C-alpha atoms as a PDB file:
ATOM      1  CA  UNK A   1      14.772 -41.129 -18.529  1.00  0.00           C
ATOM      2  CA  UNK A   2      15.803 -38.134 -20.636  1.00  0.00           C
ATOM      3  CA  UNK A   3      13.286 -35.917 -18.850  1.00  0.00           C
ATOM      4  CA  UNK A   4      14.709 -37.013 -15.484  1.00  0.00           C
ATOM      5  CA  UNK A   5      18.274 -36.428 -16.653  1.00  0.00           C
ATOM      6  CA  UNK A   6      17.497 -32.902 -17.849  1.00  0.00           C
ATOM      7  CA  UNK A   7      15.773 -32.052 -14.579  1.00  0.00           C
ATOM      8  CA  UNK A   8      18.830 -33.259 -12.670  1.00  0.00           C
ATOM      9  CA  UNK A   9      21.288 -31.528 -14.992  1.00  0.00           C
ATOM     10  CA  UNK A  10      19.476 -28.186 -14.798  1.00  0.00           C
ATOM     11  CA  UNK A  11      18.586 -28.617 -11.098  1.00  0.00           C
ATOM     12  CA  UNK A  12      14.937 -27.783 -11.663  1.00  0.00           C
ATOM     13  CA  UNK A  13      14.012 -28.769  -8.110  1.00  0.00           C
ATOM     14  CA  UNK A  14      16.163 -25.884  -6.812  1.00  0.00           C
ATOM     15  CA  UNK A  15      14.917 -22.699  -8.471  1.00  0.00           C
ATOM     16  CA  UNK A  16      17.908 -20.630  -7.316  1.00  0.00           C
ATOM     17  CA  UNK A  17      20.534 -23.358  -7.669  1.00  0.00           C
ATOM     18  CA  UNK A  18      23.846 -22.406  -9.281  1.00  0.00           C
ATOM     19  CA  UNK A  19      24.264 -24.336 -12.524  1.00  0.00           C
ATOM     20  CA  UNK A  20      27.362 -26.305 -13.508  1.00  0.00           C
ATOM     21  CA  UNK A  21      28.293 -24.619 -16.783  1.00  0.00           C
ATOM     22  CA  UNK A  22      30.924 -27.168 -17.750  1.00  0.00           C
ATOM     23  CA  UNK A  23      28.662 -30.160 -17.129  1.00  0.00           C
ATOM     24  CA  UNK A  24      25.791 -28.617 -19.099  1.00  0.00           C
ATOM     25  CA  UNK A  25      28.013 -27.726 -22.049  1.00  0.00           C
ATOM     26  CA  UNK A  26      29.556 -31.186 -22.144  1.00  0.00           C
ATOM     27  CA  UNK A  27      26.147 -32.902 -22.040  1.00  0.00           C
ATOM     28  CA  UNK A  28      24.657 -30.966 -24.937  1.00  0.00           C
ATOM     29  CA  UNK A  29      27.658 -31.521 -27.146  1.00  0.00           C
ATOM     30  CA  UNK A  30      26.305 -35.056 -27.568  1.00  0.00           C
ATOM     31  CA  UNK A  31      22.569 -34.556 -26.934  1.00  0.00           C
ATOM     32  CA  UNK A  32      19.731 -32.594 -28.536  1.00  0.00           C
ATOM     33  CA  UNK A  33      19.941 -29.050 -27.178  1.00  0.00           C
ATOM     34  CA  UNK A  34      16.344 -28.353 -28.263  1.00  0.00           C
ATOM     35  CA  UNK A  35      14.737 -31.393 -26.644  1.00  0.00           C
ATOM     36  CA  UNK A  36      11.697 -30.417 -24.586  1.00  0.00           C
ATOM     37  CA  UNK A  37      11.072 -31.613 -21.047  1.00  0.00           C
ATOM     38  CA  UNK A  38       8.504 -31.020 -18.326  1.00  0.00           C
ATOM     39  CA  UNK A  39       9.115 -28.878 -15.274  1.00  0.00           C
ATOM     40  CA  UNK A  40       6.413 -29.162 -12.614  1.00  0.00           C
ATOM     41  CA  UNK A  41       5.771 -26.867  -9.698  1.00  0.00           C
ATOM     42  CA  UNK A  42       2.728 -25.919  -7.620  1.00  0.00           C
ATOM     43  CA  UNK A  43      -0.353 -25.944  -9.847  1.00  0.00           C
ATOM     44  CA  UNK A  44       1.502 -25.586 -13.130  1.00  0.00           C
ATOM     45  CA  UNK A  45       3.352 -27.830 -15.531  1.00  0.00           C
ATOM     46  CA  UNK A  46       5.620 -26.327 -18.154  1.00  0.00           C
ATOM     47  CA  UNK A  47       7.050 -27.875 -21.316  1.00  0.00           C
ATOM     48  CA  UNK A  48      10.389 -26.196 -21.949  1.00  0.00           C
ATOM     49  CA  UNK A  49      13.623 -26.436 -23.843  1.00  0.00           C
ATOM     50  CA  UNK A  50      16.855 -26.239 -21.811  1.00  0.00           C
ATOM     51  CA  UNK A  51      17.439 -22.654 -22.998  1.00  0.00           C
ATOM     52  CA  UNK A  52      13.916 -21.641 -21.981  1.00  0.00           C
ATOM     53  CA  UNK A  53      14.400 -23.031 -18.485  1.00  0.00           C
ATOM     54  CA  UNK A  54      17.772 -21.378 -17.962  1.00  0.00           C
ATOM     55  CA  UNK A  55      16.420 -18.043 -19.263  1.00  0.00           C
ATOM     56  CA  UNK A  56      13.574 -18.211 -16.739  1.00  0.00           C
ATOM     57  CA  UNK A  57      15.675 -19.086 -13.682  1.00  0.00           C
ATOM     58  CA  UNK A  58      15.521 -16.991 -10.557  1.00  0.00           C
ATOM     59  CA  UNK A  59      19.042 -16.391  -9.336  1.00  0.00           C
ATOM     60  CA  UNK A  60      21.016 -14.210  -6.971  1.00  0.00           C
ATOM     61  CA  UNK A  61      22.163 -11.024  -8.704  1.00  0.00           C
ATOM     62  CA  UNK A  62      25.782 -11.990  -8.057  1.00  0.00           C
ATOM     63  CA  UNK A  63      25.301 -15.122 -10.187  1.00  0.00           C
ATOM     64  CA  UNK A  64      23.360 -13.567 -13.089  1.00  0.00           C
ATOM     65  CA  UNK A  65      26.410 -13.553 -15.358  1.00  0.00           C
ATOM     66  CA  UNK A  66      26.706 -17.316 -14.860  1.00  0.00           C
ATOM     67  CA  UNK A  67      23.179 -17.757 -16.234  1.00  0.00           C
ATOM     68  CA  UNK A  68      24.039 -15.600 -19.241  1.00  0.00           C
ATOM     69  CA  UNK A  69      27.164 -17.689 -19.857  1.00  0.00           C
ATOM     70  CA  UNK A  70      25.111 -20.902 -19.851  1.00  0.00           C
ATOM     71  CA  UNK A  71      22.580 -19.301 -22.207  1.00  0.00           C
ATOM     72  CA  UNK A  72      25.383 -18.246 -24.564  1.00  0.00           C
ATOM     73  CA  UNK A  73      26.783 -21.785 -24.523  1.00  0.00           C
ATOM     74  CA  UNK A  74      23.385 -23.289 -25.364  1.00  0.00           C
ATOM     75  CA  UNK A  75      22.831 -20.802 -28.205  1.00  0.00           C
ATOM     76  CA  UNK A  76      26.306 -21.543 -29.557  1.00  0.00           C
ATOM     77  CA  UNK A  77      25.449 -25.250 -29.477  1.00  0.00           C
ATOM     78  CA  UNK A  78      22.352 -24.599 -31.608  1.00  0.00           C
ATOM     79  CA  UNK A  79      19.565 -23.798 -29.141  1.00  0.00           C
ATOM     80  CA  UNK A  80      16.564 -22.248 -30.904  1.00  0.00           C
ATOM     81  CA  UNK A  81      15.796 -18.843 -29.347  1.00  0.00           C
ATOM     82  CA  UNK A  82      12.328 -18.976 -30.916  1.00  0.00           C
ATOM     83  CA  UNK A  83      11.403 -22.437 -29.693  1.00  0.00           C
ATOM     84  CA  UNK A  84       7.759 -22.580 -28.527  1.00  0.00           C
ATOM     85  CA  UNK A  85       7.080 -23.356 -24.885  1.00  0.00           C
ATOM     86  CA  UNK A  86       3.883 -24.449 -23.214  1.00  0.00           C
ATOM     87  CA  UNK A  87       2.714 -23.657 -19.737  1.00  0.00           C
ATOM     88  CA  UNK A  88      -0.281 -25.519 -18.312  1.00  0.00           C
ATOM     89  CA  UNK A  89      -1.986 -23.988 -15.275  1.00  0.00           C
ATOM     90  CA  UNK A  90      -4.573 -25.807 -13.167  1.00  0.00           C
ATOM     91  CA  UNK A  91      -7.707 -23.762 -12.441  1.00  0.00           C
ATOM     92  CA  UNK A  92      -9.800 -26.314 -10.539  1.00  0.00           C
ATOM     93  CA  UNK A  93     -11.495 -27.974 -13.493  1.00  0.00           C
ATOM     94  CA  UNK A  94      -8.425 -29.087 -15.405  1.00  0.00           C
ATOM     95  CA  UNK A  95      -5.255 -27.832 -17.028  1.00  0.00           C
ATOM     96  CA  UNK A  96      -5.428 -24.892 -19.446  1.00  0.00           C
ATOM     97  CA  UNK A  97      -2.586 -24.808 -21.937  1.00  0.00           C
ATOM     98  CA  UNK A  98      -0.891 -21.565 -22.896  1.00  0.00           C
ATOM     99  CA  UNK A  99       1.562 -21.394 -25.779  1.00  0.00           C
ATOM    100  CA  UNK A 100       4.290 -18.793 -25.370  1.00  0.00           C
ATOM    101  CA  UNK A 101       7.485 -17.697 -27.010  1.00  0.00           C
ATOM    102  CA  UNK A 102      10.721 -18.572 -25.262  1.00  0.00           C
ATOM    103  CA  UNK A 103      11.626 -14.905 -24.768  1.00  0.00           C
ATOM    104  CA  UNK A 104       8.382 -14.411 -22.788  1.00  0.00           C
ATOM    105  CA  UNK A 105       9.938 -16.428 -19.961  1.00  0.00           C
ATOM    106  CA  UNK A 106      13.205 -14.464 -19.807  1.00  0.00           C
ATOM    107  CA  UNK A 107      13.832 -13.274 -16.253  1.00  0.00           C
ATOM    108  CA  UNK A 108      15.427  -9.832 -16.587  1.00  0.00           C
ATOM    109  CA  UNK A 109      16.501  -7.291 -19.178  1.00  0.00           C
ATOM    110  CA  UNK A 110      19.937  -8.833 -19.689  1.00  0.00           C
ATOM    111  CA  UNK A 111      18.409 -12.170 -20.758  1.00  0.00           C
ATOM    112  CA  UNK A 112      15.844 -10.490 -23.008  1.00  0.00           C
ATOM    113  CA  UNK A 113      18.656  -8.553 -24.678  1.00  0.00           C
ATOM    114  CA  UNK A 114      20.729 -11.690 -25.268  1.00  0.00           C
ATOM    115  CA  UNK A 115      17.793 -13.554 -26.812  1.00  0.00           C
ATOM    116  CA  UNK A 116      16.677 -10.668 -29.048  1.00  0.00           C
ATOM    117  CA  UNK A 117      20.224 -10.081 -30.248  1.00  0.00           C
ATOM    118  CA  UNK A 118      20.289 -13.735 -31.274  1.00  0.00           C
ATOM    119  CA  UNK A 119      17.027 -13.656 -33.217  1.00  0.00           C
ATOM    120  CA  UNK A 120      14.126 -13.638 -30.754  1.00  0.00           C
ATOM    121  CA  UNK A 121      11.270 -11.256 -31.542  1.00  0.00           C
ATOM    122  CA  UNK A 122      11.242  -7.873 -29.789  1.00  0.00           C
ATOM    123  CA  UNK A 123       7.852  -7.387 -28.092  1.00  0.00           C
ATOM    124  CA  UNK A 124       6.112  -4.509 -26.365  1.00  0.00           C
ATOM    125  CA  UNK A 125       5.760  -6.626 -23.234  1.00  0.00           C
ATOM    126  CA  UNK A 126       9.546  -6.463 -22.773  1.00  0.00           C
ATOM    127  CA  UNK A 127       9.700  -2.674 -22.470  1.00  0.00           C
ATOM    128  CA  UNK A 128       8.613  -2.451 -18.832  1.00  0.00           C
ATOM    129  CA  UNK A 129      11.491  -4.724 -17.801  1.00  0.00           C
ATOM    130  CA  UNK A 130      14.003  -3.013 -20.101  1.00  0.00           C
ATOM    131  CA  UNK A 131      13.143   0.461 -18.771  1.00  0.00           C
ATOM    132  CA  UNK A 132      12.940  -0.663 -15.150  1.00  0.00           C
ATOM    133  CA  UNK A 133      16.259  -2.518 -15.258  1.00  0.00           C
ATOM    134  CA  UNK A 134      18.041   0.221 -17.210  1.00  0.00           C
ATOM    135  CA  UNK A 135      18.933  -1.885 -20.248  1.00  0.00           C
ATOM    136  CA  UNK A 136      21.325  -0.661 -22.928  1.00  0.00           C
ATOM    137  CA  UNK A 137      19.849   2.466 -24.518  1.00  0.00           C
ATOM    138  CA  UNK A 138      21.174   1.752 -28.002  1.00  0.00           C
ATOM    139  CA  UNK A 139      19.683  -1.758 -27.917  1.00  0.00           C
ATOM    140  CA  UNK A 140      16.282  -0.404 -26.871  1.00  0.00           C
ATOM    141  CA  UNK A 141      16.307   2.347 -29.496  1.00  0.00           C
ATOM    142  CA  UNK A 142      17.261  -0.055 -32.267  1.00  0.00           C
ATOM    143  CA  UNK A 143      14.721  -2.756 -31.452  1.00  0.00           C
ATOM    144  CA  UNK A 144      11.812  -1.156 -29.567  1.00  0.00           C
ATOM    145  CA  UNK A 145      11.386   2.490 -30.634  1.00  0.00           C
ATOM    146  CA  UNK A 146       8.266   1.668 -32.679  1.00  0.00           C
ATOM    147  CA  UNK A 147       6.729  -0.198 -29.722  1.00  0.00           C
ATOM    148  CA  UNK A 148       7.267   2.329 -26.924  1.00  0.00           C
ATOM    149  CA  UNK A 149       4.137   4.002 -25.530  1.00  0.00           C
ATOM    150  CA  UNK A 150       3.818   6.971 -23.115  1.00  0.00           C
ATOM    151  CA  UNK A 151       2.954   4.648 -20.206  1.00  0.00           C
ATOM    152  CA  UNK A 152       6.352   2.952 -20.413  1.00  0.00           C
ATOM    153  CA  UNK A 153       8.143   6.116 -19.283  1.00  0.00           C
ATOM    154  CA  UNK A 154       6.700   5.615 -15.798  1.00  0.00           C
ATOM    155  CA  UNK A 155       9.494   3.091 -15.210  1.00  0.00           C
ATOM    156  CA  UNK A 156      12.417   5.396 -15.986  1.00  0.00           C
ATOM    157  CA  UNK A 157      14.559   6.597 -13.088  1.00  0.00           C
ATOM    158  CA  UNK A 158      16.672   9.698 -12.667  1.00  0.00           C
ATOM    159  CA  UNK A 159      19.931   7.877 -13.337  1.00  0.00           C
ATOM    160  CA  UNK A 160      22.553   7.408 -16.040  1.00  0.00           C
ATOM    161  CA  UNK A 161      20.902   4.296 -17.502  1.00  0.00           C
ATOM    162  CA  UNK A 162      17.570   6.050 -18.045  1.00  0.00           C
ATOM    163  CA  UNK A 163      19.378   9.121 -19.389  1.00  0.00           C
ATOM    164  CA  UNK A 164      21.102   6.900 -21.950  1.00  0.00           C
ATOM    165  CA  UNK A 165      17.753   5.413 -23.008  1.00  0.00           C
ATOM    166  CA  UNK A 166      16.306   8.893 -23.578  1.00  0.00           C
ATOM    167  CA  UNK A 167      19.413  10.052 -25.449  1.00  0.00           C
ATOM    168  CA  UNK A 168      19.448   7.020 -27.737  1.00  0.00           C
ATOM    169  CA  UNK A 169      15.728   7.328 -28.478  1.00  0.00           C
ATOM    170  CA  UNK A 170      16.253  10.997 -29.342  1.00  0.00           C
ATOM    171  CA  UNK A 171      19.017  10.034 -31.775  1.00  0.00           C
ATOM    172  CA  UNK A 172      16.599   7.731 -33.614  1.00  0.00           C
ATOM    173  CA  UNK A 173      14.066  10.563 -33.909  1.00  0.00           C
ATOM    174  CA  UNK A 174      11.604   9.163 -31.384  1.00  0.00           C
ATOM    175  CA  UNK A 175       8.686  11.555 -30.803  1.00  0.00           C
ATOM    176  CA  UNK A 176       8.397  12.163 -27.049  1.00  0.00           C
ATOM    177  CA  UNK A 177       5.129  14.035 -27.632  1.00  0.00           C
ATOM    178  CA  UNK A 178       3.200  10.971 -28.826  1.00  0.00           C
ATOM    179  CA  UNK A 179      -0.189  10.862 -27.069  1.00  0.00           C
ATOM    180  CA  UNK A 180      -2.059   7.819 -25.786  1.00  0.00           C
ATOM    181  CA  UNK A 181      -5.817   7.250 -26.047  1.00  0.00           C
ATOM    182  CA  UNK A 182      -6.371   9.748 -23.202  1.00  0.00           C
ATOM    183  CA  UNK A 183      -4.192  12.348 -24.884  1.00  0.00           C
ATOM    184  CA  UNK A 184      -1.424  12.044 -22.292  1.00  0.00           C
ATOM    185  CA  UNK A 185       2.235  12.154 -23.304  1.00  0.00           C
ATOM    186  CA  UNK A 186       5.282  10.572 -21.686  1.00  0.00           C
ATOM    187  CA  UNK A 187       5.642  13.530 -19.307  1.00  0.00           C
ATOM    188  CA  UNK A 188       2.311  12.696 -17.670  1.00  0.00           C
ATOM    189  CA  UNK A 189       3.646   9.275 -16.677  1.00  0.00           C
ATOM    190  CA  UNK A 190       6.960  10.358 -15.173  1.00  0.00           C
ATOM    191  CA  UNK A 191       7.290  10.572 -11.390  1.00  0.00           C
ATOM    192  CA  UNK A 192      10.726  12.200 -11.089  1.00  0.00           C
ATOM    193  CA  UNK A 193      11.240  15.808 -12.161  1.00  0.00           C
ATOM    194  CA  UNK A 194      14.816  14.959 -13.163  1.00  0.00           C
ATOM    195  CA  UNK A 195      13.469  12.580 -15.804  1.00  0.00           C
ATOM    196  CA  UNK A 196      10.988  15.266 -16.880  1.00  0.00           C
ATOM    197  CA  UNK A 197      13.906  17.659 -17.448  1.00  0.00           C
ATOM    198  CA  UNK A 198      15.750  15.074 -19.554  1.00  0.00           C
ATOM    199  CA  UNK A 199      12.641  14.498 -21.667  1.00  0.00           C
ATOM    200  CA  UNK A 200      12.044  18.228 -22.125  1.00  0.00           C
ATOM    201  CA  UNK A 201      15.660  18.659 -23.203  1.00  0.00           C
ATOM    202  CA  UNK A 202      15.034  15.852 -25.721  1.00  0.00           C
ATOM    203  CA  UNK A 203      12.011  17.631 -27.189  1.00  0.00           C
ATOM    204  CA  UNK A 204       9.043  16.848 -24.936  1.00  0.00           C
ATOM    205  CA  UNK A 205       6.569  19.720 -24.507  1.00  0.00           C
ATOM    206  CA  UNK A 206       4.986  20.641 -21.166  1.00  0.00           C
ATOM    207  CA  UNK A 207       2.071  22.406 -22.902  1.00  0.00           C
ATOM    208  CA  UNK A 208       0.328  19.663 -24.892  1.00  0.00           C
ATOM    209  CA  UNK A 209      -3.270  19.257 -23.615  1.00  0.00           C
ATOM    210  CA  UNK A 210      -4.786  15.821 -23.099  1.00  0.00           C
ATOM    211  CA  UNK A 211      -8.408  14.917 -23.825  1.00  0.00           C
ATOM    212  CA  UNK A 212      -9.489  16.771 -20.665  1.00  0.00           C
ATOM    213  CA  UNK A 213      -7.581  19.888 -21.680  1.00  0.00           C
ATOM    214  CA  UNK A 214      -4.882  19.341 -19.038  1.00  0.00           C
ATOM    215  CA  UNK A 215      -1.214  19.883 -19.811  1.00  0.00           C
ATOM    216  CA  UNK A 216       1.697  18.390 -17.888  1.00  0.00           C
ATOM    217  CA  UNK A 217       1.918  21.618 -15.885  1.00  0.00           C
ATOM    218  CA  UNK A 218      -1.752  21.271 -14.911  1.00  0.00           C
ATOM    219  CA  UNK A 219      -1.092  17.721 -13.720  1.00  0.00           C
ATOM    220  CA  UNK A 220       1.755  18.715 -11.390  1.00  0.00           C
ATOM    221  CA  UNK A 221      -0.259  18.529  -8.199  1.00  0.00           C
ATOM    222  CA  UNK A 222       0.887  18.958  -4.606  1.00  0.00           C
ATOM    223  CA  UNK A 223       1.877  15.308  -4.293  1.00  0.00           C
ATOM    224  CA  UNK A 224       4.190  15.519  -7.300  1.00  0.00           C
ATOM    225  CA  UNK A 225       5.717  18.761  -6.005  1.00  0.00           C
ATOM    226  CA  UNK A 226       6.259  17.312  -2.519  1.00  0.00           C
ATOM    227  CA  UNK A 227       7.981  14.204  -3.931  1.00  0.00           C
ATOM    228  CA  UNK A 228      10.345  16.396  -5.938  1.00  0.00           C
ATOM    229  CA  UNK A 229      11.074  19.020  -3.293  1.00  0.00           C
ATOM    230  CA  UNK A 230      14.849  18.578  -3.307  1.00  0.00           C
ATOM    231  CA  UNK A 231      16.852  21.719  -4.097  1.00  0.00           C
ATOM    232  CA  UNK A 232      17.518  20.513  -7.644  1.00  0.00           C
ATOM    233  CA  UNK A 233      13.943  19.343  -8.112  1.00  0.00           C
ATOM    234  CA  UNK A 234      12.445  22.657  -7.028  1.00  0.00           C
ATOM    235  CA  UNK A 235      14.828  24.552  -9.285  1.00  0.00           C
ATOM    236  CA  UNK A 236      13.742  22.448 -12.273  1.00  0.00           C
ATOM    237  CA  UNK A 237      10.047  22.839 -11.441  1.00  0.00           C
ATOM    238  CA  UNK A 238      10.417  26.600 -11.211  1.00  0.00           C
ATOM    239  CA  UNK A 239      12.338  26.672 -14.505  1.00  0.00           C
ATOM    240  CA  UNK A 240       9.590  24.678 -16.255  1.00  0.00           C
ATOM    241  CA  UNK A 241       6.804  26.860 -14.881  1.00  0.00           C
ATOM    242  CA  UNK A 242       5.255  24.494 -12.337  1.00  0.00           C
ATOM    243  CA  UNK A 243       2.895  26.265  -9.913  1.00  0.00           C
ATOM    244  CA  UNK A 244       4.441  25.450  -6.535  1.00  0.00           C
ATOM    245  CA  UNK A 245       1.159  26.343  -4.816  1.00  0.00           C
ATOM    246  CA  UNK A 246      -0.876  23.708  -6.665  1.00  0.00           C
ATOM    247  CA  UNK A 247      -3.292  21.716  -4.528  1.00  0.00           C
ATOM    248  CA  UNK A 248      -3.514  17.930  -4.363  1.00  0.00           C
ATOM    249  CA  UNK A 249      -5.959  15.890  -6.436  1.00  0.00           C
ATOM    250  CA  UNK A 250      -8.688  16.628  -3.857  1.00  0.00           C
ATOM    251  CA  UNK A 251      -8.135  20.391  -4.038  1.00  0.00           C
ATOM    252  CA  UNK A 252      -7.135  20.401  -0.377  1.00  0.00           C
ATOM    253  CA  UNK A 253      -3.425  20.491   0.513  1.00  0.00           C
ATOM    254  CA  UNK A 254      -0.453  22.251  -1.070  1.00  0.00           C
ATOM    255  CA  UNK A 255       2.998  20.653  -1.035  1.00  0.00           C
ATOM    256  CA  UNK A 256       3.831  22.726   2.059  1.00  0.00           C
ATOM    257  CA  UNK A 257       0.821  21.230   3.863  1.00  0.00           C
ATOM    258  CA  UNK A 258       1.943  17.709   2.935  1.00  0.00           C
ATOM    259  CA  UNK A 259       5.528  18.327   4.056  1.00  0.00           C
ATOM    260  CA  UNK A 260       4.291  19.717   7.370  1.00  0.00           C
ATOM    261  CA  UNK A 261       2.021  16.715   7.936  1.00  0.00           C
ATOM    262  CA  UNK A 262       4.657  14.143   6.996  1.00  0.00           C
ATOM    263  CA  UNK A 263       7.131  15.399   9.545  1.00  0.00           C
ATOM    264  CA  UNK A 264      10.122  17.585  10.052  1.00  0.00           C
ATOM    265  CA  UNK A 265      10.961  17.927   6.340  1.00  0.00           C
ATOM    266  CA  UNK A 266      12.947  21.124   6.735  1.00  0.00           C
ATOM    267  CA  UNK A 267      14.919  20.885   3.497  1.00  0.00           C
ATOM    268  CA  UNK A 268      11.844  20.438   1.325  1.00  0.00           C
ATOM    269  CA  UNK A 269       9.956  23.216   3.117  1.00  0.00           C
ATOM    270  CA  UNK A 270      12.905  25.584   2.870  1.00  0.00           C
ATOM    271  CA  UNK A 271      13.494  24.776  -0.806  1.00  0.00           C
ATOM    272  CA  UNK A 272       9.883  25.539  -1.698  1.00  0.00           C
ATOM    273  CA  UNK A 273       9.767  28.719   0.365  1.00  0.00           C
ATOM    274  CA  UNK A 274      13.004  29.974  -1.202  1.00  0.00           C
ATOM    275  CA  UNK A 275      11.494  29.333  -4.641  1.00  0.00           C
ATOM    276  CA  UNK A 276       8.396  31.392  -3.853  1.00  0.00           C
ATOM    277  CA  UNK A 277       5.858  28.885  -2.530  1.00  0.00           C
ATOM    278  CA  UNK A 278       3.178  30.708  -0.542  1.00  0.00           C
ATOM    279  CA  UNK A 279       2.910  29.641   3.141  1.00  0.00           C
ATOM    280  CA  UNK A 280      -0.359  31.595   3.515  1.00  0.00           C
ATOM    281  CA  UNK A 281      -2.396  29.372   1.176  1.00  0.00           C
ATOM    282  CA  UNK A 282      -5.079  27.617   3.223  1.00  0.00           C
ATOM    283  CA  UNK A 283      -6.550  24.147   2.788  1.00  0.00           C
ATOM    284  CA  UNK A 284     -10.273  23.381   2.545  1.00  0.00           C
ATOM    285  CA  UNK A 285     -10.527  23.614   6.351  1.00  0.00           C
ATOM    286  CA  UNK A 286      -9.021  27.093   6.259  1.00  0.00           C
ATOM    287  CA  UNK A 287      -5.718  25.994   7.793  1.00  0.00           C
ATOM    288  CA  UNK A 288      -2.224  27.151   6.888  1.00  0.00           C
ATOM    289  CA  UNK A 289       0.611  24.633   6.394  1.00  0.00           C
ATOM    290  CA  UNK A 290       1.967  25.650   9.819  1.00  0.00           C
ATOM    291  CA  UNK A 291      -1.367  24.704  11.389  1.00  0.00           C
ATOM    292  CA  UNK A 292      -1.712  21.146  10.077  1.00  0.00           C
ATOM    293  CA  UNK A 293       1.500  19.662  11.484  1.00  0.00           C
ATOM    294  CA  UNK A 294       0.918  17.042  14.170  1.00  0.00           C
ATOM    295  CA  UNK A 295       2.168  17.992  17.635  1.00  0.00           C
ATOM    296  CA  UNK A 296       5.598  16.777  18.613  1.00  0.00           C
ATOM    297  CA  UNK A 297       9.009  18.183  19.391  1.00  0.00           C
ATOM    298  CA  UNK A 298      10.581  16.820  16.205  1.00  0.00           C
ATOM    299  CA  UNK A 299       8.071  18.839  14.130  1.00  0.00           C
ATOM    300  CA  UNK A 300       8.607  22.059  16.032  1.00  0.00           C
ATOM    301  CA  UNK A 301      11.338  23.345  13.707  1.00  0.00           C
ATOM    302  CA  UNK A 302       9.104  22.875  10.674  1.00  0.00           C
ATOM    303  CA  UNK A 303       6.263  24.784  12.326  1.00  0.00           C
ATOM    304  CA  UNK A 304       8.588  27.610  13.354  1.00  0.00           C
ATOM    305  CA  UNK A 305      10.002  27.830   9.834  1.00  0.00           C
ATOM    306  CA  UNK A 306       6.530  28.029   8.292  1.00  0.00           C
ATOM    307  CA  UNK A 307       5.268  30.537  10.874  1.00  0.00           C
ATOM    308  CA  UNK A 308       8.318  32.703  10.256  1.00  0.00           C
ATOM    309  CA  UNK A 309       7.665  32.565   6.509  1.00  0.00           C
ATOM    310  CA  UNK A 310       4.046  33.658   7.042  1.00  0.00           C
ATOM    311  CA  UNK A 311       5.157  36.619   9.167  1.00  0.00           C
ATOM    312  CA  UNK A 312       7.789  37.621   6.631  1.00  0.00           C
ATOM    313  CA  UNK A 313       5.317  37.415   3.772  1.00  0.00           C
ATOM    314  CA  UNK A 314       2.775  39.590   5.586  1.00  0.00           C
ATOM    315  CA  UNK A 315       5.458  42.195   6.341  1.00  0.00           C
ATOM    316  CA  UNK A 316       6.506  42.243   2.694  1.00  0.00           C
ATOM    317  CA  UNK A 317       2.894  42.700   1.607  1.00  0.00           C
ATOM    318  CA  UNK A 318       2.394  45.539   4.093  1.00  0.00           C
ATOM    319  CA  UNK A 319       5.632  47.163   2.963  1.00  0.00           C
ATOM    320  CA  UNK A 320       4.542  46.896  -0.639  1.00  0.00           C
ATOM    321  CA  UNK A 321       1.200  48.524   0.135  1.00  0.00           C
ATOM    322  CA  UNK A 322       2.846  51.369   2.056  1.00  0.00           C
ATOM    323  CA  UNK A 323       5.196  52.041  -0.850  1.00  0.00           C
ATOM    324  CA  UNK A 324       2.287  52.108  -3.278  1.00  0.00           C
ATOM    325  CA  UNK A 325       0.301  54.738  -1.327  1.00  0.00           C
ATOM    326  CA  UNK A 326       2.553  57.765  -2.158  1.00  0.00           C
ATOM    327  CA  UNK A 327       2.582  56.680  -5.797  1.00  0.00           C
ATOM    328  CA  UNK A 328      -1.214  56.531  -5.896  1.00  0.00           C
ATOM    329  CA  UNK A 329      -1.498  59.967  -4.238  1.00  0.00           C
ATOM    330  CA  UNK A 330       0.832  61.484  -6.848  1.00  0.00           C
ATOM    331  CA  UNK A 331      -1.305  60.000  -9.640  1.00  0.00           C
ATOM    332  CA  UNK A 332      -4.414  61.515  -8.077  1.00  0.00           C
END
């Protein structure tokens, strides 16, 4: 009967159901807040405490604070944040039991943070969620700095939350040049040049070679350059010493080729050209960026821009050669 009552109270048959905070709090003032009960669904059966179930709930973002309030109430009433849970999954020949910690089931960075602040163990497996969701930087630095690996920086974004994480880690003395088993540092994992700039400002080096002898600058291929071809992104890449004429991982296209193929990306093309990218670099088929764009009126402006840049570059080269001839004659 207790198992049935808990399932009704916590509405386990409706995964996204809004919980009645008052009813739950009133019930556990007179009942065991750490009593375990079964929640079944699909091919799994899970033995949980009330806190574990609430922490794992899927809920609309607008109602997430309600879940945190219920979790706080349960903890205040004595819920054990380190209570073991058991999940049994059916694989065709029977149920296989898996023992987990309650915090392993927490759905989101805010719930992980609440549980850890109340005594749950900080684990490396949390870091992906904490970085991705932009959790409090000071909380991450205090509890996870010894667990953070280069691969985790893949999940940082170019926003204030990620900036705060980097700043707080820097204050704790975190070494952003730590290398993984392949010799790669955090910079090798980052996809946004804005995050790269923040890491460099915090002490990351662009010149540390990995096990293959490649530095971050060597790894900035055409795809990376194309993805970061905003005006600010190109400025940062130029400042850091990125070769804007780098080819892709196949040694074929430059970023200008990719932008031309993808469509009428005038801003990106113009930004790269203004920063010195060479429109006369050919791909493995001997084609210029202006020659790989697919036909179509909406790509015409991009082709014209690239063709104009090629003409201008050739004129500048010819002018440079003509200016050098009198100098060479005087030397002779």
